[in-house]
Amino acid sequence: MTSTQAPDLLATIVAAARTAAADRERVRPLERLIAEQAHRPSGAAFAAALRAGPAPRIIAECKRRSPSKGVLRRDYDPAAHARAYAAAGAAAISVLTEPTFFDGDLSHLAAVRAAVSTPLLRKDFIVTEYQVHEAAVYGADAVLLIAAALDQPQLRDLREQAASLGLASLVEVHTAAELESALASGAEIVGVNSRNLRTLSVDMEVAAALAASIPKNVISVAESGIRSGDDIRRFSQLGFDAFLVGERLITQPDPGAALEALRAS
């Protein structure tokens, strides 16, 4: 991807997510969606797993494709992968539901929810309240909110909407300014993503640089680029509570065994 293309990537994905959500809402209006909800989200369980679960606390990701690497796993079976992650001690499981760039689907989240009792994160580009309700209906306990995609009032509104439904919010930041916005919005869980969503490059020093600025009462998650026990030990020493790991696991022949090995390394 060239530098002239990269700055538009995040905006392109967000625009696609907004359009897709509006299309789904036209087919299934919000009132109908709410009426069909059976799952009761437990954001408290998600937060507790990241703060107090057995270390190292890893959010293991179910993801078929990424914009930077293309198809990561052709025999993608999110329910089977989730069962393997749960058996290997995942603190939580992240499920990609974005369809256009990640080959995700809400049915993947529902399938994982039916397969495991582990706390679940809906990982998507959440920019509307309808998407927050979808997360609750399809089995999530938490949603991802990306500070780079939302201004502070939007971030606060969506986080509060999620909380009203029992969902936790993992607020993702990449810069000091985004961290400041996240904290001002009342974020209780902050993820520092070392992958720049505009260029797709990974710089592990991003998380290292922001670690000290995250208040101790805020749960902190290091995201992207984590590949070894050494990475986990380094970021643990910097104060991170948990770690989101995706490509490192899902590309292995046995993702559950890969998680088990990572946690033991």
Foldseek 3Di string as FASTA:
>chain_A
DDLVQLQCQVVVQLVVVVVVLVVVCVVQPPVNLLVLADFQAAQVLLVCLLFPNPPPAEAEEQFQAAQVPGGLDPPRDLLVLLLLQVVLPHSEYEYEQRCPGTNHRLVSLLSNQVRDPHAYEDEGADQDLSVLSSCRRSHHNEYEYELVSDFLVSLLVNQVSNVVRNHAYAYEDQAPVSVVSCVVSVHQHYEYEQQDSRRRDGDQVSCLVCLVVDDLRHAYEYEPDDQALVSVVVVVVSPHRHYYDYSNQSNDPRSSVSSNVRRVD
